[in-house]
Every structure is written in structure tokens, then in C-alpha cells.
Amino acid sequence: MLQGKKIVLGITGSIAAYKACYLIRGLIKQGAEVQVIITPAGKEFITPLTLSTLTGKPVVSEFFDRRDGSWHSHVQLGIWADAMIIAPASASTIGKMANGVADNMLITTYLSMKAPVFVAPAMDLDMYAHPSTQKNLETLRSYGNYIIEPGIGFLASKLEGKGRMEEPENIIKVLESFFAERADLQGKKVLITAGPTYEKLDPVRFIGNYSSGKMGIALAEECAERGALVELICGPVGIKANHPNITRTDVESAEQMYQVAKKIFPDTDAAILCAAVADFTPAIVAENKIKREGNKLILELEPTKDIAKALGQMKKQGQVMVGFALETNDEENHAKEKLQKKNLDFIVLNSLQDEGAGFQHNTNKVTLIDKDSETSFPLKSKKEVAKDIVNKLVSIIK
């Protein structure tokens, strides 16, 4: 799974830096191309000459070449890589990553990295257990980074406990599993709806909701990263979806979303209906701005077309449909009712009763419900929630 993969390996100031040599050899034996970035402290533990000899590439450490002033582009490295591994990752570097302290080449590359990032901590047991380190690791997880937990054993301090950098062969296995998983939607076509819809009252006003589109965009990127060709239908959303496998169609109203979804759905393998589509739209849209007249404005609303129900009726053998239910009361019963009525394979339930879940947040707390089972997850970043949802989708497609 690592054949041809481009790996940026970050090395920091830790006695475990010697393990980076074994990690490089293992990656190259698997067919990967490795570019090392080392912090100034890291060079105190292992020399750039050793690392360059193993990788066949000059080691990057400083922003500028001291001889001719040429610039090492952290941006280009962020674009070049298929993955970044920071092993060993010291407590200092983890803190800088969590807080955006871009004072060396490794951190600026991390902040520019478009590929997934894996962090293998290495430090004394008390440093690892310290609340600040644990908080920083949790922050990195919330950003979507993958933490490769350290092992328990004999440490450089002569103490024994949790803090040993994971062994190189196990780090390689983590990467192999990751890239194997990344290909589990290869060749599949997935329709995803995201964001709110705006239902016009007049040329300047609309009926809408608080959806930011973050969950739908996270799902689109997760599916695309796993090999799917994604047809993303977005309501008014300002967030960009960054992946070449994503084709985006922007719409405004529920009617427009309905028409595009109905056209695209027959040629897809799956649909994830994440958009917060308006249930009602004004019966009459005023040609001019409605003026403030009288004490009341009475609006006549009519139901919008039910996109999930329509696609559920069109659904063919082998197609998979995923719905969303954002509820404020009697959540589980409402979700199960929607699951059956819309002909969904499973539904993603979240509640506005849960702090940190729902509209506008960067986190979500969901329960995945199908006709036979329910699986609840704790509060996670929407990127991690997207992974849980797509894992369930893949299990059904397979």
C-alpha cells in the first residue's frame, strides 16, 4: 500500500530520533519516497548526513540555505506529500503544533500540509501524562491529526512507563492500514448534499436555517480521500471542498437542490443527504422588497419537495442512501420513523440538546441507526464524525 507514496518525516529533539533511521529504511523497502525535515534540536540527536544517506535526499532543516540564500518551500512540501509523520514528536513540538507556533521548518510545513498527519509522541512518562501535553494531543486530534500512541516500557530517564515512541514497524503498519482504508471507495460515485437552502420572500429576504455546511463538506472530503468520485450539491455555503475528486454544484433553494439531486442520483452508488433542506417555502415571492406596513406580516408557506423521499422511491438495487435527522425532542423515534419512510439504509441522528453538536459547531455527536442496530459516538470533530459515517457506508456497500 505504500508503493509510490510520498512521505514527509519530521524528526524532533528526542533520544528516540535514532528510531527514525529504521522507520526510513522500512518505508523505503515498502516503496515509499521519504523527505526528512528535522528541527534544530533533532540534529543534536542524529545527523542530517545519516538521514540524507538513507533517504537519498537532502535533509531540510532551515528556512534558507546558508550558502546561497535559496528558500526551502514548506508550501510545496505540503502539496507534494501523501502523508506526514512526526516521529519522534517531542512535547515541545506537539505544543507548537497545537498552538500554531511556526518558529521552525517542521511546524511551517505541518501548518501547510494538505495530506493527513500522523504524530508519534516520545517523551518521559510524566511529561506525557501532564495535563498540558494531553490537552495538546486532544487539540491535534480535533484538527484531524492521527495520534500513534506511545508504548509502555523502559525510558531514557531510567524510569518505566508510557512514553516510548511506537516501534517503526508498527508505525508502518498504521500507514499501510490507513492507505488501504483510503481506497475502499475507489471507483464508487457518491452524491452528497450539504448546507442550508434559502427560500426567497422577496429580492432581499429569505427563509433559511443555521446550517454552515461543515458536516457535508467533511463527508465529501472523506469520501473523496477514500477514492470516491463525489458529486457535492451545496446550498449557500462559504466553505471550499479541497479535493480533485469533488465536483461541486451550488444551489440556493430546496427546489434547485431537488432538481439537481434527482438528475445525478440514478448514476451513483450512494447518496448522503446531509443538507438542512427547508421544509416550507413561500407560496408567493414578492417582486419588490416587502415594505413595513401595518402591525403584522402574514406569510403563506407551502411544503417543499421531499428530496430524501423522492430519491428513496427512485432507489435501485445496490444503491445506498444515508439520511440525517437533527431533532430537538423525541429524537430516536423521529429518526426511526424517517429511516423507514424515506427508504434509507441508515440515518445519522444528532440533537440540539447535545452541547457542541448541530449547526455551526466544528464538532458533532451522532448516533447511527439502521433497521437492526444503533451505534452512538462521543463528541468528536466533524472530520472524525465523517470518518465514522463513511466507515458505516463502506460496510454496507461491501
Protein backbone atom coordinates (compact mmCIF):
# COMPACT_ATOMS: atom_id res chain seq x y z
CA MET A 1 0.00 0.00 0.00
CA LEU A 2 3.00 2.36 0.36
CA GLN A 3 4.39 1.83 -3.12
CA GLY A 4 4.98 5.25 -4.69
CA LYS A 5 3.71 7.16 -1.65
CA LYS A 6 5.48 10.43 -0.82
CA ILE A 7 6.14 10.72 2.90
CA VAL A 8 7.40 13.77 4.81
CA LEU A 9 9.09 12.56 8.00
CA GLY A 10 9.50 15.15 10.76
CA ILE A 11 12.15 14.44 13.40
CA THR A 12 12.32 16.40 16.66
CA GLY A 13 14.61 16.63 19.68
CA SER A 14 14.25 13.25 21.36
CA ILE A 15 16.53 10.33 22.13
CA ALA A 16 14.07 8.26 20.07
CA ALA A 17 15.35 10.06 16.95
CA TYR A 18 17.57 7.02 16.29
CA LYS A 19 14.40 5.03 15.53
CA ALA A 20 13.78 7.33 12.56
CA CYS A 21 16.56 5.50 10.71
CA TYR A 22 14.68 2.20 10.99
CA LEU A 23 11.46 3.94 10.04
CA ILE A 24 13.05 5.41 6.90
CA ARG A 25 14.51 2.04 5.86
CA GLY A 26 11.14 0.34 6.40
CA LEU A 27 9.25 2.95 4.39
CA ILE A 28 11.71 2.82 1.50
CA LYS A 29 11.62 -1.01 1.46
CA GLN A 30 7.84 -0.71 1.06
CA GLY A 31 8.37 1.51 -1.99
CA ALA A 32 7.79 4.93 -0.41
CA GLU A 33 9.74 8.12 -1.12
CA VAL A 34 10.85 9.89 2.08
CA GLN A 35 11.74 13.54 2.66
CA VAL A 36 13.10 14.35 6.12
CA ILE A 37 12.54 17.63 7.95
CA ILE A 38 14.45 17.93 11.22
CA THR A 39 14.26 20.54 13.96
CA PRO A 40 17.44 22.22 15.27
CA ALA A 41 17.13 20.17 18.48
CA GLY A 42 16.69 16.99 16.44
CA LYS A 43 20.15 17.48 14.88
CA GLU A 44 21.65 17.13 18.35
CA PHE A 45 20.47 13.50 18.42
CA ILE A 46 21.02 12.37 14.81
CA THR A 47 22.95 13.91 11.94
CA PRO A 48 21.45 15.12 8.67
CA LEU A 49 24.23 13.21 6.85
CA THR A 50 22.92 9.89 8.20
CA LEU A 51 19.35 10.72 7.25
CA SER A 52 20.28 12.01 3.81
CA THR A 53 22.27 8.84 3.12
CA LEU A 54 19.23 6.70 3.97
CA THR A 55 16.66 8.74 2.00
CA GLY A 56 18.84 9.78 -0.93
CA LYS A 57 17.53 13.34 -0.45
CA PRO A 58 18.99 16.44 1.21
CA VAL A 59 17.55 16.90 4.70
CA VAL A 60 15.51 20.06 5.20
CA SER A 61 16.10 21.95 8.43
CA GLU A 62 16.49 25.69 7.90
CA PHE A 63 14.20 28.11 6.06
CA PHE A 64 17.09 29.29 3.89
CA ASP A 65 20.25 27.66 2.56
CA ARG A 66 23.12 29.27 4.43
CA ARG A 67 25.39 29.24 1.37
CA ASP A 68 23.24 30.77 -1.36
CA GLY A 69 20.12 32.05 0.43
CA SER A 70 17.72 29.79 -1.54
CA TRP A 71 14.37 29.17 0.14
CA HIS A 72 13.02 25.79 1.23
CA SER A 73 9.32 25.91 0.39
CA HIS A 74 7.20 24.44 3.16
CA VAL A 75 4.16 25.09 0.93
CA GLN A 76 5.49 22.85 -1.86
CA LEU A 77 6.26 20.09 0.64
CA GLY A 78 2.68 20.34 1.90
CA ILE A 79 1.40 19.83 -1.64
CA TRP A 80 3.95 17.11 -2.55
CA ALA A 81 3.26 14.71 0.31
CA ASP A 82 0.75 11.87 0.56
CA ALA A 83 1.28 11.80 4.32
CA MET A 84 3.35 13.47 7.03
CA ILE A 85 4.73 11.57 10.03
CA ILE A 86 6.30 13.29 13.00
CA ALA A 87 8.32 10.61 14.76
CA PRO A 88 9.58 11.20 17.33
CA ALA A 89 7.28 14.07 18.33
CA SER A 90 8.56 15.82 21.45
CA ALA A 91 6.31 17.59 23.98
CA SER A 92 7.65 20.93 22.71
CA THR A 93 6.79 20.21 19.08
CA ILE A 94 3.35 18.87 20.00
CA GLY A 95 2.67 22.10 21.90
CA LYS A 96 3.80 24.21 18.95
CA MET A 97 1.66 22.21 16.52
CA ALA A 98 -1.42 22.56 18.74
CA ASN A 99 -0.96 26.32 19.04
CA GLY A 100 0.44 27.26 15.64
CA VAL A 101 3.86 28.41 16.85
CA ALA A 102 5.58 28.42 13.46
CA ASP A 103 9.19 29.04 14.52
CA ASN A 104 10.89 26.24 12.57
CA MET A 105 10.65 24.50 9.21
CA LEU A 106 8.88 21.45 10.59
CA ILE A 107 5.98 23.46 12.07
CA THR A 108 5.55 25.67 8.99
CA THR A 109 5.42 22.53 6.85
CA TYR A 110 2.86 20.99 9.21
CA LEU A 111 0.70 24.11 9.00
CA SER A 112 0.88 23.96 5.19
CA MET A 113 0.27 20.20 4.96
CA LYS A 114 -2.68 19.13 2.79
CA ALA A 115 -2.07 15.42 3.42
CA PRO A 116 -3.00 13.52 6.61
CA VAL A 117 -0.62 13.97 9.54
CA PHE A 118 0.48 11.22 11.95
CA VAL A 119 2.07 12.07 15.30
CA ALA A 120 4.16 9.56 17.28
CA PRO A 121 4.89 11.10 20.71
CA ALA A 122 8.13 10.28 22.53
CA MET A 123 8.95 11.65 25.99
CA ASP A 124 9.27 10.80 29.66
CA LEU A 125 6.19 9.32 31.33
CA ASP A 126 5.45 12.37 33.49
CA MET A 127 5.77 14.73 30.52
CA TYR A 128 3.38 12.56 28.53
CA ALA A 129 0.87 12.32 31.38
CA HIS A 130 0.97 16.05 32.13
CA PRO A 131 -2.42 17.76 31.54
CA SER A 132 -0.89 20.28 29.13
CA THR A 133 0.51 17.51 26.91
CA GLN A 134 -2.77 15.60 26.97
CA LYS A 135 -4.69 18.77 26.15
CA ASN A 136 -2.38 19.49 23.22
CA LEU A 137 -2.79 15.94 21.90
CA GLU A 138 -6.56 16.26 22.16
CA THR A 139 -6.34 19.54 20.24
CA LEU A 140 -4.34 17.83 17.50
CA ARG A 141 -6.96 15.07 17.30
CA SER A 142 -9.69 17.71 16.96
CA TYR A 143 -7.75 19.14 13.99
CA GLY A 144 -7.96 15.73 12.31
CA ASN A 145 -4.41 14.55 13.07
CA TYR A 146 -3.78 10.87 13.85
CA ILE A 147 -2.02 10.17 17.15
CA ILE A 148 0.05 6.98 17.27
CA GLU A 149 0.03 6.24 20.98
CA PRO A 150 3.41 5.65 22.64
CA GLY A 151 4.23 2.34 24.24
CA ILE A 152 4.93 1.41 27.85
CA GLY A 153 8.49 0.48 28.72
CA PHE A 154 11.95 1.47 29.90
CA LEU A 155 12.66 5.16 29.21
CA ALA A 156 15.82 7.27 28.83
CA SER A 157 15.20 8.68 32.31
CA LYS A 158 15.70 5.13 33.69
CA LEU A 159 12.02 5.17 34.68
CA GLU A 160 9.42 2.83 33.28
CA GLY A 161 6.04 3.90 31.96
CA LYS A 162 4.12 5.23 28.95
CA GLY A 163 6.16 7.47 26.68
CA ARG A 164 8.24 5.22 24.40
CA MET A 165 7.79 6.09 20.74
CA GLU A 166 5.93 3.32 18.94
CA GLU A 167 8.24 0.92 17.11
CA PRO A 168 8.93 1.76 13.44
CA GLU A 169 7.40 -1.46 12.10
CA ASN A 170 4.13 -0.67 13.90
CA ILE A 171 4.09 2.90 12.58
CA ILE A 172 4.46 1.47 9.07
CA LYS A 173 1.52 -0.89 9.73
CA VAL A 174 -0.60 2.11 10.78
CA LEU A 175 0.24 3.83 7.49
CA GLU A 176 -0.47 0.69 5.46
CA SER A 177 -3.87 0.29 7.12
CA PHE A 178 -4.62 3.96 6.54
CA PHE A 179 -3.86 3.84 2.83
CA ALA A 180 -5.72 0.54 2.44
CA GLU A 181 -8.76 2.17 4.01
CA ARG A 182 -8.30 5.24 1.81
CA ALA A 183 -9.01 3.09 -1.26
CA ASP A 184 -12.19 1.39 -0.05
CA LEU A 185 -14.46 3.65 -2.16
CA GLN A 186 -12.27 3.50 -5.26
CA GLY A 187 -14.42 3.62 -8.39
CA LYS A 188 -17.62 4.49 -6.49
CA LYS A 189 -19.71 7.57 -7.20
CA VAL A 190 -21.29 9.31 -4.20
CA LEU A 191 -23.87 12.09 -4.14
CA ILE A 192 -23.69 14.39 -1.09
CA THR A 193 -25.93 17.33 -0.23
CA ALA A 194 -24.65 19.99 2.17
CA GLY A 195 -25.57 23.25 3.84
CA PRO A 196 -28.88 25.12 4.13
CA THR A 197 -31.35 26.20 1.50
CA TYR A 198 -32.62 29.77 1.19
CA GLU A 199 -36.29 30.23 0.29
CA LYS A 200 -36.91 33.69 -1.15
CA LEU A 201 -39.52 36.05 0.30
CA ASP A 202 -38.57 38.98 -1.91
CA PRO A 203 -35.40 40.19 -3.68
CA VAL A 204 -33.60 40.84 -0.35
CA ARG A 205 -35.07 38.43 2.23
CA PHE A 206 -35.30 34.68 2.63
CA ILE A 207 -36.31 31.89 5.00
CA GLY A 208 -33.29 29.79 5.97
CA ASN A 209 -31.55 27.99 8.82
CA TYR A 210 -28.23 28.00 10.67
CA SER A 211 -26.51 25.18 8.77
CA SER A 212 -22.88 26.01 7.97
CA GLY A 213 -22.25 23.09 5.60
CA LYS A 214 -19.25 21.92 7.67
CA MET A 215 -20.55 18.38 8.13
CA GLY A 216 -21.40 17.93 4.46
CA ILE A 217 -18.04 19.28 3.32
CA ALA A 218 -16.24 16.95 5.77
CA LEU A 219 -18.19 13.99 4.34
CA ALA A 220 -17.37 15.00 0.76
CA GLU A 221 -13.65 15.25 1.54
CA GLU A 222 -13.65 11.94 3.44
CA CYS A 223 -15.33 10.09 0.56
CA ALA A 224 -13.01 11.70 -1.98
CA GLU A 225 -9.91 10.82 0.05
CA ARG A 226 -11.10 7.21 0.04
CA GLY A 227 -11.25 7.09 -3.74
CA ALA A 228 -14.85 8.05 -4.50
CA LEU A 229 -15.94 10.46 -7.21
CA VAL A 230 -18.11 12.89 -5.25
CA GLU A 231 -21.00 14.92 -6.63
CA LEU A 232 -21.45 17.64 -4.00
CA ILE A 233 -24.63 19.73 -4.11
CA CYS A 234 -24.20 22.75 -1.87
CA GLY A 235 -26.68 25.26 -0.61
CA PRO A 236 -25.31 28.74 0.23
CA VAL A 237 -22.03 27.65 1.86
CA GLY A 238 -18.83 29.71 2.01
CA ILE A 239 -16.53 26.77 2.79
CA LYS A 240 -14.46 25.25 0.00
CA ALA A 241 -14.13 21.50 -0.50
CA ASN A 242 -10.48 20.72 -1.26
CA HIS A 243 -10.09 17.57 -3.34
CA PRO A 244 -9.81 16.93 -7.09
CA ASN A 245 -12.37 14.08 -6.84
CA ILE A 246 -15.13 16.51 -5.80
CA THR A 247 -17.42 18.09 -8.38
CA ARG A 248 -19.44 20.86 -6.75
CA THR A 249 -22.79 22.26 -7.85
CA ASP A 250 -24.02 25.34 -5.96
CA VAL A 251 -27.75 25.89 -5.50
CA GLU A 252 -29.89 28.19 -3.38
CA SER A 253 -33.39 26.81 -2.92
CA ALA A 254 -34.86 23.43 -2.00
CA GLU A 255 -36.38 23.20 -5.48
CA GLN A 256 -32.99 23.72 -7.13
CA MET A 257 -31.37 21.11 -4.88
CA TYR A 258 -34.21 18.68 -5.64
CA GLN A 259 -33.80 19.07 -9.40
CA VAL A 260 -30.01 18.56 -9.35
CA ALA A 261 -30.17 15.62 -6.91
CA LYS A 262 -32.86 13.88 -8.96
CA LYS A 263 -30.74 14.23 -12.08
CA ILE A 264 -27.49 12.95 -10.54
CA PHE A 265 -28.77 10.20 -8.22
CA PRO A 266 -29.57 7.45 -10.80
CA ASP A 267 -25.89 7.17 -11.79
CA THR A 268 -24.50 6.99 -8.25
CA ASP A 269 -23.62 4.13 -5.92
CA ALA A 270 -24.62 6.03 -2.78
CA ALA A 271 -26.19 9.27 -1.55
CA ILE A 272 -25.52 11.03 1.76
CA LEU A 273 -28.27 13.59 2.31
CA CYS A 274 -26.66 15.90 4.83
CA ALA A 275 -28.20 19.22 3.74
CA ALA A 276 -30.61 21.06 6.03
CA VAL A 277 -33.30 21.49 3.39
CA ALA A 278 -36.18 23.84 4.16
CA ASP A 279 -39.49 22.05 4.72
CA PHE A 280 -41.52 25.07 3.62
CA THR A 281 -41.17 27.82 1.03
CA PRO A 282 -43.21 30.99 0.43
CA ALA A 283 -46.23 30.38 -1.79
CA ILE A 284 -45.64 33.76 -3.45
CA VAL A 285 -42.30 35.54 -3.86
CA ALA A 286 -42.71 39.30 -3.94
CA GLU A 287 -41.20 41.01 -6.99
CA ASN A 288 -40.16 44.02 -4.91
CA LYS A 289 -38.93 44.45 -1.36
CA ILE A 290 -41.76 44.00 1.12
CA LYS A 291 -42.29 47.27 2.98
CA ARG A 292 -43.03 47.66 6.67
CA GLU A 293 -46.79 48.28 6.63
CA GLY A 294 -49.22 47.60 9.44
CA ASN A 295 -48.52 45.61 12.60
CA LYS A 296 -48.18 42.15 11.07
CA LEU A 297 -46.75 40.41 8.05
CA ILE A 298 -48.61 37.20 7.30
CA LEU A 299 -46.79 34.71 5.10
CA GLU A 300 -48.36 31.81 3.29
CA LEU A 301 -45.96 28.85 3.09
CA GLU A 302 -46.22 25.61 1.14
CA PRO A 303 -44.24 22.37 1.53
CA THR A 304 -41.04 21.92 -0.45
CA LYS A 305 -40.38 18.72 -2.36
CA ASP A 306 -39.05 15.97 -0.09
CA ILE A 307 -35.66 15.14 -1.62
CA ALA A 308 -34.96 12.10 0.56
CA LYS A 309 -38.38 10.59 -0.09
CA ALA A 310 -38.11 11.20 -3.84
CA LEU A 311 -34.69 9.60 -4.09
CA GLY A 312 -35.84 6.73 -1.86
CA GLN A 313 -38.58 5.98 -4.38
CA MET A 314 -36.05 6.12 -7.23
CA LYS A 315 -33.52 3.94 -5.39
CA LYS A 316 -32.35 0.86 -7.28
CA GLN A 317 -30.93 -2.43 -6.08
CA GLY A 318 -27.39 -1.87 -4.83
CA GLN A 319 -27.72 1.84 -4.18
CA VAL A 320 -27.17 3.01 -0.59
CA MET A 321 -28.90 6.02 0.95
CA VAL A 322 -27.89 7.80 4.16
CA GLY A 323 -30.11 10.42 5.78
CA PHE A 324 -29.70 12.92 8.61
CA ALA A 325 -32.07 13.79 11.44
CA LEU A 326 -31.44 16.87 13.58
CA GLU A 327 -34.03 16.76 16.33
CA THR A 328 -34.99 18.76 19.41
CA ASN A 329 -37.26 16.21 21.12
CA ASP A 330 -38.20 12.52 20.98
CA GLU A 331 -35.10 12.18 18.84
CA GLU A 332 -34.83 8.42 18.44
CA ASN A 333 -38.45 7.82 17.46
CA HIS A 334 -38.40 10.65 14.92
CA ALA A 335 -35.20 9.28 13.40
CA LYS A 336 -36.52 5.71 13.13
CA GLU A 337 -39.72 6.96 11.53
CA LYS A 338 -37.71 8.92 8.96
CA LEU A 339 -35.46 5.89 8.31
CA GLN A 340 -38.47 3.81 7.27
CA LYS A 341 -40.47 6.46 5.41
CA LYS A 342 -37.56 7.63 3.26
CA ASN A 343 -36.26 4.14 2.40
CA LEU A 344 -32.85 4.87 3.95
CA ASP A 345 -30.17 2.29 4.71
CA PHE A 346 -29.19 4.17 7.85
CA ILE A 347 -29.74 7.55 9.41
CA VAL A 348 -27.41 9.89 11.31
CA LEU A 349 -29.13 11.30 14.38
CA ASN A 350 -27.93 14.32 16.28
CA SER A 351 -29.72 16.54 18.75
CA LEU A 352 -29.65 20.21 19.57
CA GLN A 353 -29.87 19.05 23.20
CA ASP A 354 -26.24 17.89 22.98
CA GLU A 355 -23.72 20.64 23.66
CA GLY A 356 -21.27 21.08 20.80
CA ALA A 357 -23.47 19.26 18.27
CA GLY A 358 -25.51 20.54 15.34
CA PHE A 359 -25.30 23.76 13.35
CA GLN A 360 -22.20 26.00 13.21
CA HIS A 361 -20.04 23.86 15.52
CA ASN A 362 -16.74 22.24 14.49
CA THR A 363 -17.79 19.17 16.49
CA ASN A 364 -20.75 16.81 16.40
CA LYS A 365 -22.20 13.99 18.47
CA VAL A 366 -24.12 11.39 16.48
CA THR A 367 -25.92 8.07 16.67
CA LEU A 368 -26.00 5.85 13.56
CA ILE A 369 -29.29 3.95 13.30
CA ASP A 370 -30.26 1.23 10.85
CA LYS A 371 -33.17 -1.22 10.98
CA ASP A 372 -31.21 -3.65 13.18
CA SER A 373 -28.87 -1.61 15.34
CA GLU A 374 -27.83 1.69 16.89
CA THR A 375 -24.27 2.92 17.47
CA SER A 376 -23.63 6.08 19.50
CA PHE A 377 -20.38 8.04 19.39
CA PRO A 378 -18.96 10.65 21.78
CA LEU A 379 -18.46 14.28 20.78
CA LYS A 380 -15.84 14.45 18.01
CA SER A 381 -14.59 16.82 15.35
CA LYS A 382 -16.78 16.78 12.25
CA LYS A 383 -13.85 15.33 10.31
CA GLU A 384 -13.77 12.35 12.69
CA VAL A 385 -17.57 12.05 12.60
CA ALA A 386 -17.37 11.94 8.80
CA LYS A 387 -14.95 9.02 9.07
CA ASP A 388 -17.41 7.09 11.31
CA ILE A 389 -20.28 7.72 8.89
CA VAL A 390 -18.27 6.70 5.82
CA ASN A 391 -16.99 3.57 7.61
CA LYS A 392 -20.63 2.55 8.07
CA LEU A 393 -21.39 3.36 4.43
CA VAL A 394 -18.46 1.25 3.24
CA SER A 395 -19.56 -1.71 5.38
CA ILE A 396 -22.95 -1.67 3.63
CA ILE A 397 -21.54 -1.23 0.12
CA LYS A 398 -19.15 -4.16 0.68
